[in-house]
Amino acid sequence: MNTTSNNTPKTNPFFTRRRIVMAACLLIAVGYLLMTGPASTEQAFCHDLFSARRTVVAPLSCLCGYLLIIVGILRKK
């Protein structure tokens, strides 16, 4: 009986890279959706323009998504 055989299932690295890139694209889309909201006009100023969601959370979400795309592209097989 051969004790050195490796019975671990082999995963295709293309699919794992594709999943990483797809998750990153989804994260970027969520970040852009978080940036949307009501706009200010000349008659009324909207204070929601400077909320933490639109100025901190959404850009960080997009930045993490872009960094994750770089990781997904540069990941070794």
PDB file of N, CA and C in Angstrom:
ATOM      1  N   MET A   1       0.832  -1.169   0.000  1.00  0.00           N
ATOM      2  CA  MET A   1       0.000   0.000   0.000  1.00  0.00           C
ATOM      3  C   MET A   1       0.885   1.243   0.000  1.00  0.00           C
ATOM      4  N   ASN A   2       0.593   2.151  -0.876  1.00  0.00           N
ATOM      5  CA  ASN A   2       1.393   3.354  -1.007  1.00  0.00           C
ATOM      6  C   ASN A   2       0.904   4.399  -0.004  1.00  0.00           C
ATOM      7  N   THR A   3       1.757   4.751   0.930  1.00  0.00           N
ATOM      8  CA  THR A   3       1.371   5.716   1.962  1.00  0.00           C
ATOM      9  C   THR A   3       1.680   7.149   1.566  1.00  0.00           C
ATOM     10  N   THR A   4       2.328   7.341   0.437  1.00  0.00           N
ATOM     11  CA  THR A   4       2.697   8.698   0.025  1.00  0.00           C
ATOM     12  C   THR A   4       1.699   9.305  -0.947  1.00  0.00           C
ATOM     13  N   SER A   5       0.610   8.603  -1.230  1.00  0.00           N
ATOM     14  CA  SER A   5      -0.359   9.152  -2.175  1.00  0.00           C
ATOM     15  C   SER A   5      -1.100  10.323  -1.526  1.00  0.00           C
ATOM     16  N   ASN A   6      -1.376  11.294  -2.329  1.00  0.00           N
ATOM     17  CA  ASN A   6      -2.041  12.502  -1.860  1.00  0.00           C
ATOM     18  C   ASN A   6      -3.464  12.507  -2.395  1.00  0.00           C
ATOM     19  N   ASN A   7      -4.445  12.356  -1.518  1.00  0.00           N
ATOM     20  CA  ASN A   7      -5.835  12.267  -1.930  1.00  0.00           C
ATOM     21  C   ASN A   7      -6.573  13.590  -1.784  1.00  0.00           C
ATOM     22  N   THR A   8      -5.864  14.666  -1.694  1.00  0.00           N
ATOM     23  CA  THR A   8      -6.544  15.955  -1.559  1.00  0.00           C
ATOM     24  C   THR A   8      -7.116  16.362  -2.914  1.00  0.00           C
ATOM     25  N   PRO A   9      -8.331  16.892  -2.912  1.00  0.00           N
ATOM     26  CA  PRO A   9      -8.921  17.313  -4.188  1.00  0.00           C
ATOM     27  C   PRO A   9      -8.192  18.534  -4.738  1.00  0.00           C
ATOM     28  N   LYS A  10      -7.961  18.506  -6.026  1.00  0.00           N
ATOM     29  CA  LYS A  10      -7.256  19.620  -6.661  1.00  0.00           C
ATOM     30  C   LYS A  10      -8.285  20.639  -7.131  1.00  0.00           C
ATOM     31  N   THR A  11      -8.069  21.875  -6.725  1.00  0.00           N
ATOM     32  CA  THR A  11      -8.950  22.940  -7.173  1.00  0.00           C
ATOM     33  C   THR A  11      -8.284  23.685  -8.305  1.00  0.00           C
ATOM     34  N   ASN A  12      -9.079  24.139  -9.199  1.00  0.00           N
ATOM     35  CA  ASN A  12      -8.563  24.888 -10.330  1.00  0.00           C
ATOM     36  C   ASN A  12      -8.261  26.311  -9.867  1.00  0.00           C
ATOM     37  N   PRO A  13      -7.010  26.777  -9.971  1.00  0.00           N
ATOM     38  CA  PRO A  13      -6.680  28.113  -9.485  1.00  0.00           C
ATOM     39  C   PRO A  13      -7.394  29.219 -10.264  1.00  0.00           C
ATOM     40  N   PHE A  14      -7.823  28.924 -11.485  1.00  0.00           N
ATOM     41  CA  PHE A  14      -8.531  29.934 -12.261  1.00  0.00           C
ATOM     42  C   PHE A  14      -9.847  30.309 -11.590  1.00  0.00           C
ATOM     43  N   PHE A  15     -10.536  29.311 -11.028  1.00  0.00           N
ATOM     44  CA  PHE A  15     -11.813  29.590 -10.383  1.00  0.00           C
ATOM     45  C   PHE A  15     -11.624  30.341  -9.077  1.00  0.00           C
ATOM     46  N   THR A  16     -10.563  30.049  -8.339  1.00  0.00           N
ATOM     47  CA  THR A  16     -10.346  30.785  -7.099  1.00  0.00           C
ATOM     48  C   THR A  16      -9.966  32.229  -7.396  1.00  0.00           C
ATOM     49  N   ARG A  17      -9.172  32.443  -8.428  1.00  0.00           N
ATOM     50  CA  ARG A  17      -8.832  33.813  -8.818  1.00  0.00           C
ATOM     51  C   ARG A  17     -10.070  34.537  -9.316  1.00  0.00           C
ATOM     52  N   ARG A  18     -10.906  33.833 -10.063  1.00  0.00           N
ATOM     53  CA  ARG A  18     -12.134  34.447 -10.569  1.00  0.00           C
ATOM     54  C   ARG A  18     -13.057  34.831  -9.416  1.00  0.00           C
ATOM     55  N   ARG A  19     -13.149  33.983  -8.413  1.00  0.00           N
ATOM     56  CA  ARG A  19     -13.992  34.300  -7.255  1.00  0.00           C
ATOM     57  C   ARG A  19     -13.469  35.515  -6.506  1.00  0.00           C
ATOM     58  N   ILE A  20     -12.161  35.624  -6.371  1.00  0.00           N
ATOM     59  CA  ILE A  20     -11.587  36.782  -5.686  1.00  0.00           C
ATOM     60  C   ILE A  20     -11.904  38.060  -6.453  1.00  0.00           C
ATOM     61  N   VAL A  21     -11.730  38.032  -7.757  1.00  0.00           N
ATOM     62  CA  VAL A  21     -11.991  39.218  -8.574  1.00  0.00           C
ATOM     63  C   VAL A  21     -13.479  39.561  -8.580  1.00  0.00           C
ATOM     64  N   MET A  22     -14.338  38.557  -8.628  1.00  0.00           N
ATOM     65  CA  MET A  22     -15.780  38.820  -8.600  1.00  0.00           C
ATOM     66  C   MET A  22     -16.207  39.401  -7.255  1.00  0.00           C
ATOM     67  N   ALA A  23     -15.639  38.892  -6.168  1.00  0.00           N
ATOM     68  CA  ALA A  23     -15.947  39.448  -4.846  1.00  0.00           C
ATOM     69  C   ALA A  23     -15.457  40.887  -4.744  1.00  0.00           C
ATOM     70  N   ALA A  24     -14.305  41.170  -5.346  1.00  0.00           N
ATOM     71  CA  ALA A  24     -13.777  42.535  -5.334  1.00  0.00           C
ATOM     72  C   ALA A  24     -14.676  43.469  -6.138  1.00  0.00           C
ATOM     73  N   CYS A  25     -15.163  43.013  -7.271  1.00  0.00           N
ATOM     74  CA  CYS A  25     -16.079  43.843  -8.072  1.00  0.00           C
ATOM     75  C   CYS A  25     -17.370  44.111  -7.315  1.00  0.00           C
ATOM     76  N   LEU A  26     -17.848  43.119  -6.600  1.00  0.00           N
ATOM     77  CA  LEU A  26     -19.046  43.305  -5.793  1.00  0.00           C
ATOM     78  C   LEU A  26     -18.794  44.314  -4.673  1.00  0.00           C
ATOM     79  N   LEU A  27     -17.626  44.258  -4.057  1.00  0.00           N
ATOM     80  CA  LEU A  27     -17.265  45.201  -2.999  1.00  0.00           C
ATOM     81  C   LEU A  27     -17.172  46.623  -3.539  1.00  0.00           C
ATOM     82  N   ILE A  28     -16.635  46.779  -4.725  1.00  0.00           N
ATOM     83  CA  ILE A  28     -16.555  48.103  -5.351  1.00  0.00           C
ATOM     84  C   ILE A  28     -17.950  48.629  -5.668  1.00  0.00           C
ATOM     85  N   ALA A  29     -18.812  47.766  -6.181  1.00  0.00           N
ATOM     86  CA  ALA A  29     -20.185  48.184  -6.495  1.00  0.00           C
ATOM     87  C   ALA A  29     -20.927  48.604  -5.232  1.00  0.00           C
ATOM     88  N   VAL A  30     -20.733  47.875  -4.137  1.00  0.00           N
ATOM     89  CA  VAL A  30     -21.362  48.250  -2.872  1.00  0.00           C
ATOM     90  C   VAL A  30     -20.836  49.608  -2.410  1.00  0.00           C
ATOM     91  N   GLY A  31     -19.549  49.838  -2.573  1.00  0.00           N
ATOM     92  CA  GLY A  31     -18.978  51.128  -2.196  1.00  0.00           C
ATOM     93  C   GLY A  31     -19.581  52.272  -2.984  1.00  0.00           C
ATOM     94  N   TYR A  32     -19.757  52.092  -4.282  1.00  0.00           N
ATOM     95  CA  TYR A  32     -20.368  53.154  -5.084  1.00  0.00           C
ATOM     96  C   TYR A  32     -21.842  53.341  -4.728  1.00  0.00           C
ATOM     97  N   LEU A  33     -22.531  52.263  -4.386  1.00  0.00           N
ATOM     98  CA  LEU A  33     -23.925  52.403  -3.963  1.00  0.00           C
ATOM     99  C   LEU A  33     -24.029  53.137  -2.628  1.00  0.00           C
ATOM    100  N   LEU A  34     -23.052  52.929  -1.739  1.00  0.00           N
ATOM    101  CA  LEU A  34     -23.051  53.642  -0.470  1.00  0.00           C
ATOM    102  C   LEU A  34     -22.784  55.135  -0.658  1.00  0.00           C
ATOM    103  N   MET A  35     -22.125  55.509  -1.732  1.00  0.00           N
ATOM    104  CA  MET A  35     -21.843  56.929  -1.985  1.00  0.00           C
ATOM    105  C   MET A  35     -23.061  57.689  -2.488  1.00  0.00           C
ATOM    106  N   THR A  36     -24.062  56.981  -2.979  1.00  0.00           N
ATOM    107  CA  THR A  36     -25.221  57.674  -3.536  1.00  0.00           C
ATOM    108  C   THR A  36     -26.090  58.236  -2.415  1.00  0.00           C
ATOM    109  N   GLY A  37     -26.862  59.223  -2.766  1.00  0.00           N
ATOM    110  CA  GLY A  37     -27.771  59.834  -1.809  1.00  0.00           C
ATOM    111  C   GLY A  37     -28.279  61.151  -2.352  1.00  0.00           C
ATOM    112  N   PRO A  38     -29.045  61.864  -1.539  1.00  0.00           N
ATOM    113  CA  PRO A  38     -29.588  63.141  -2.006  1.00  0.00           C
ATOM    114  C   PRO A  38     -28.487  64.173  -2.197  1.00  0.00           C
ATOM    115  N   ALA A  39     -28.693  65.035  -3.148  1.00  0.00           N
ATOM    116  CA  ALA A  39     -27.711  66.072  -3.451  1.00  0.00           C
ATOM    117  C   ALA A  39     -28.174  67.407  -2.874  1.00  0.00           C
ATOM    118  N   SER A  40     -27.230  68.301  -2.708  1.00  0.00           N
ATOM    119  CA  SER A  40     -27.569  69.650  -2.266  1.00  0.00           C
ATOM    120  C   SER A  40     -27.967  70.488  -3.466  1.00  0.00           C
ATOM    121  N   THR A  41     -28.873  71.403  -3.225  1.00  0.00           N
ATOM    122  CA  THR A  41     -29.279  72.345  -4.264  1.00  0.00           C
ATOM    123  C   THR A  41     -28.951  73.758  -3.793  1.00  0.00           C
ATOM    124  N   GLU A  42     -29.181  74.730  -4.637  1.00  0.00           N
ATOM    125  CA  GLU A  42     -28.927  76.113  -4.242  1.00  0.00           C
ATOM    126  C   GLU A  42     -29.918  76.588  -3.188  1.00  0.00           C
ATOM    127  N   GLN A  43     -31.109  76.015  -3.172  1.00  0.00           N
ATOM    128  CA  GLN A  43     -32.122  76.437  -2.217  1.00  0.00           C
ATOM    129  C   GLN A  43     -31.974  75.727  -0.863  1.00  0.00           C
ATOM    130  N   ALA A  44     -31.543  74.483  -0.871  1.00  0.00           N
ATOM    131  CA  ALA A  44     -31.461  73.712   0.374  1.00  0.00           C
ATOM    132  C   ALA A  44     -30.151  72.938   0.411  1.00  0.00           C
ATOM    133  N   PHE A  45     -29.455  73.065   1.544  1.00  0.00           N
ATOM    134  CA  PHE A  45     -28.202  72.338   1.735  1.00  0.00           C
ATOM    135  C   PHE A  45     -28.498  71.023   2.434  1.00  0.00           C
ATOM    136  N   CYS A  46     -27.985  69.950   1.910  1.00  0.00           N
ATOM    137  CA  CYS A  46     -28.185  68.615   2.491  1.00  0.00           C
ATOM    138  C   CYS A  46     -26.958  68.255   3.329  1.00  0.00           C
ATOM    139  N   HIS A  47     -27.166  68.125   4.650  1.00  0.00           N
ATOM    140  CA  HIS A  47     -26.049  67.798   5.541  1.00  0.00           C
ATOM    141  C   HIS A  47     -25.623  66.332   5.417  1.00  0.00           C
ATOM    142  N   ASP A  48     -26.442  65.513   4.778  1.00  0.00           N
ATOM    143  CA  ASP A  48     -26.100  64.110   4.581  1.00  0.00           C
ATOM    144  C   ASP A  48     -24.929  63.949   3.615  1.00  0.00           C
ATOM    145  N   LEU A  49     -24.603  65.011   2.922  1.00  0.00           N
ATOM    146  CA  LEU A  49     -23.488  64.982   1.979  1.00  0.00           C
ATOM    147  C   LEU A  49     -22.171  64.664   2.668  1.00  0.00           C
ATOM    148  N   PHE A  50     -22.039  65.077   3.926  1.00  0.00           N
ATOM    149  CA  PHE A  50     -20.793  64.868   4.671  1.00  0.00           C
ATOM    150  C   PHE A  50     -20.945  63.811   5.754  1.00  0.00           C
ATOM    151  N   SER A  51     -21.832  62.855   5.560  1.00  0.00           N
ATOM    152  CA  SER A  51     -21.996  61.790   6.551  1.00  0.00           C
ATOM    153  C   SER A  51     -20.813  60.828   6.486  1.00  0.00           C
ATOM    154  N   ALA A  52     -20.642  60.077   7.556  1.00  0.00           N
ATOM    155  CA  ALA A  52     -19.515  59.135   7.623  1.00  0.00           C
ATOM    156  C   ALA A  52     -19.665  58.026   6.586  1.00  0.00           C
ATOM    157  N   ARG A  53     -20.892  57.670   6.269  1.00  0.00           N
ATOM    158  CA  ARG A  53     -21.118  56.621   5.266  1.00  0.00           C
ATOM    159  C   ARG A  53     -20.590  57.046   3.907  1.00  0.00           C
ATOM    160  N   ARG A  54     -20.827  58.304   3.533  1.00  0.00           N
ATOM    161  CA  ARG A  54     -20.450  58.771   2.200  1.00  0.00           C
ATOM    162  C   ARG A  54     -18.997  59.237   2.113  1.00  0.00           C
ATOM    163  N   THR A  55     -18.406  59.623   3.237  1.00  0.00           N
ATOM    164  CA  THR A  55     -17.040  60.157   3.182  1.00  0.00           C
ATOM    165  C   THR A  55     -15.979  59.186   3.684  1.00  0.00           C
ATOM    166  N   VAL A  56     -16.377  58.153   4.456  1.00  0.00           N
ATOM    167  CA  VAL A  56     -15.380  57.236   5.018  1.00  0.00           C
ATOM    168  C   VAL A  56     -15.637  55.792   4.586  1.00  0.00           C
ATOM    169  N   VAL A  57     -16.838  55.297   4.853  1.00  0.00           N
ATOM    170  CA  VAL A  57     -17.128  53.876   4.644  1.00  0.00           C
ATOM    171  C   VAL A  57     -17.111  53.519   3.154  1.00  0.00           C
ATOM    172  N   ALA A  58     -17.784  54.315   2.343  1.00  0.00           N
ATOM    173  CA  ALA A  58     -17.861  54.002   0.909  1.00  0.00           C
ATOM    174  C   ALA A  58     -16.498  54.069   0.216  1.00  0.00           C
ATOM    175  N   PRO A  59     -15.694  55.114   0.431  1.00  0.00           N
ATOM    176  CA  PRO A  59     -14.370  55.107  -0.213  1.00  0.00           C
ATOM    177  C   PRO A  59     -13.466  53.977   0.272  1.00  0.00           C
ATOM    178  N   LEU A  60     -13.549  53.633   1.564  1.00  0.00           N
ATOM    179  CA  LEU A  60     -12.746  52.516   2.065  1.00  0.00           C
ATOM    180  C   LEU A  60     -13.202  51.193   1.452  1.00  0.00           C
ATOM    181  N   SER A  61     -14.497  51.059   1.244  1.00  0.00           N
ATOM    182  CA  SER A  61     -15.015  49.857   0.592  1.00  0.00           C
ATOM    183  C   SER A  61     -14.482  49.746  -0.832  1.00  0.00           C
ATOM    184  N   CYS A  62     -14.492  50.846  -1.558  1.00  0.00           N
ATOM    185  CA  CYS A  62     -13.963  50.835  -2.928  1.00  0.00           C
ATOM    186  C   CYS A  62     -12.462  50.559  -2.932  1.00  0.00           C
ATOM    187  N   LEU A  63     -11.741  51.177  -2.018  1.00  0.00           N
ATOM    188  CA  LEU A  63     -10.296  50.962  -1.948  1.00  0.00           C
ATOM    189  C   LEU A  63      -9.973  49.505  -1.647  1.00  0.00           C
ATOM    190  N   CYS A  64     -10.691  48.903  -0.703  1.00  0.00           N
ATOM    191  CA  CYS A  64     -10.472  47.479  -0.398  1.00  0.00           C
ATOM    192  C   CYS A  64     -10.803  46.605  -1.603  1.00  0.00           C
ATOM    193  N   GLY A  65     -11.835  46.980  -2.344  1.00  0.00           N
ATOM    194  CA  GLY A  65     -12.183  46.224  -3.542  1.00  0.00           C
ATOM    195  C   GLY A  65     -11.093  46.292  -4.597  1.00  0.00           C
ATOM    196  N   TYR A  66     -10.548  47.488  -4.808  1.00  0.00           N
ATOM    197  CA  TYR A  66      -9.470  47.628  -5.794  1.00  0.00           C
ATOM    198  C   TYR A  66      -8.216  46.870  -5.355  1.00  0.00           C
ATOM    199  N   LEU A  67      -7.898  46.913  -4.070  1.00  0.00           N
ATOM    200  CA  LEU A  67      -6.747  46.158  -3.579  1.00  0.00           C
ATOM    201  C   LEU A  67      -6.979  44.656  -3.710  1.00  0.00           C
ATOM    202  N   LEU A  68      -8.206  44.233  -3.494  1.00  0.00           N
ATOM    203  CA  LEU A  68      -8.529  42.815  -3.644  1.00  0.00           C
ATOM    204  C   LEU A  68      -8.435  42.358  -5.091  1.00  0.00           C
ATOM    205  N   ILE A  69      -8.753  43.239  -6.034  1.00  0.00           N
ATOM    206  CA  ILE A  69      -8.570  42.902  -7.449  1.00  0.00           C
ATOM    207  C   ILE A  69      -7.091  42.694  -7.749  1.00  0.00           C
ATOM    208  N   ILE A  70      -6.242  43.545  -7.205  1.00  0.00           N
ATOM    209  CA  ILE A  70      -4.800  43.399  -7.417  1.00  0.00           C
ATOM    210  C   ILE A  70      -4.321  42.068  -6.829  1.00  0.00           C
ATOM    211  N   VAL A  71      -4.814  41.719  -5.656  1.00  0.00           N
ATOM    212  CA  VAL A  71      -4.440  40.442  -5.041  1.00  0.00           C
ATOM    213  C   VAL A  71      -4.922  39.286  -5.900  1.00  0.00           C
ATOM    214  N   GLY A  72      -6.144  39.385  -6.403  1.00  0.00           N
ATOM    215  CA  GLY A  72      -6.679  38.306  -7.237  1.00  0.00           C
ATOM    216  C   GLY A  72      -5.917  38.131  -8.534  1.00  0.00           C
ATOM    217  N   ILE A  73      -5.459  39.230  -9.105  1.00  0.00           N
ATOM    218  CA  ILE A  73      -4.716  39.146 -10.371  1.00  0.00           C
ATOM    219  C   ILE A  73      -3.302  38.603 -10.133  1.00  0.00           C
ATOM    220  N   LEU A  74      -2.665  39.051  -9.083  1.00  0.00           N
ATOM    221  CA  LEU A  74      -1.277  38.662  -8.840  1.00  0.00           C
ATOM    222  C   LEU A  74      -1.120  37.350  -8.068  1.00  0.00           C
ATOM    223  N   ARG A  75      -2.221  36.733  -7.684  1.00  0.00           N
ATOM    224  CA  ARG A  75      -2.140  35.485  -6.929  1.00  0.00           C
ATOM    225  C   ARG A  75      -1.509  34.380  -7.775  1.00  0.00           C
ATOM    226  N   LYS A  76      -0.575  33.663  -7.166  1.00  0.00           N
ATOM    227  CA  LYS A  76       0.103  32.581  -7.892  1.00  0.00           C
ATOM    228  C   LYS A  76      -0.799  31.383  -8.002  1.00  0.00           C
ATOM    229  N   LYS A  77      -0.541  30.592  -9.015  1.00  0.00           N
ATOM    230  CA  LYS A  77      -1.351  29.395  -9.261  1.00  0.00           C
ATOM    231  C   LYS A  77      -1.002  28.293  -8.291  1.00  0.00           C
TER     232      LYS A  77
END
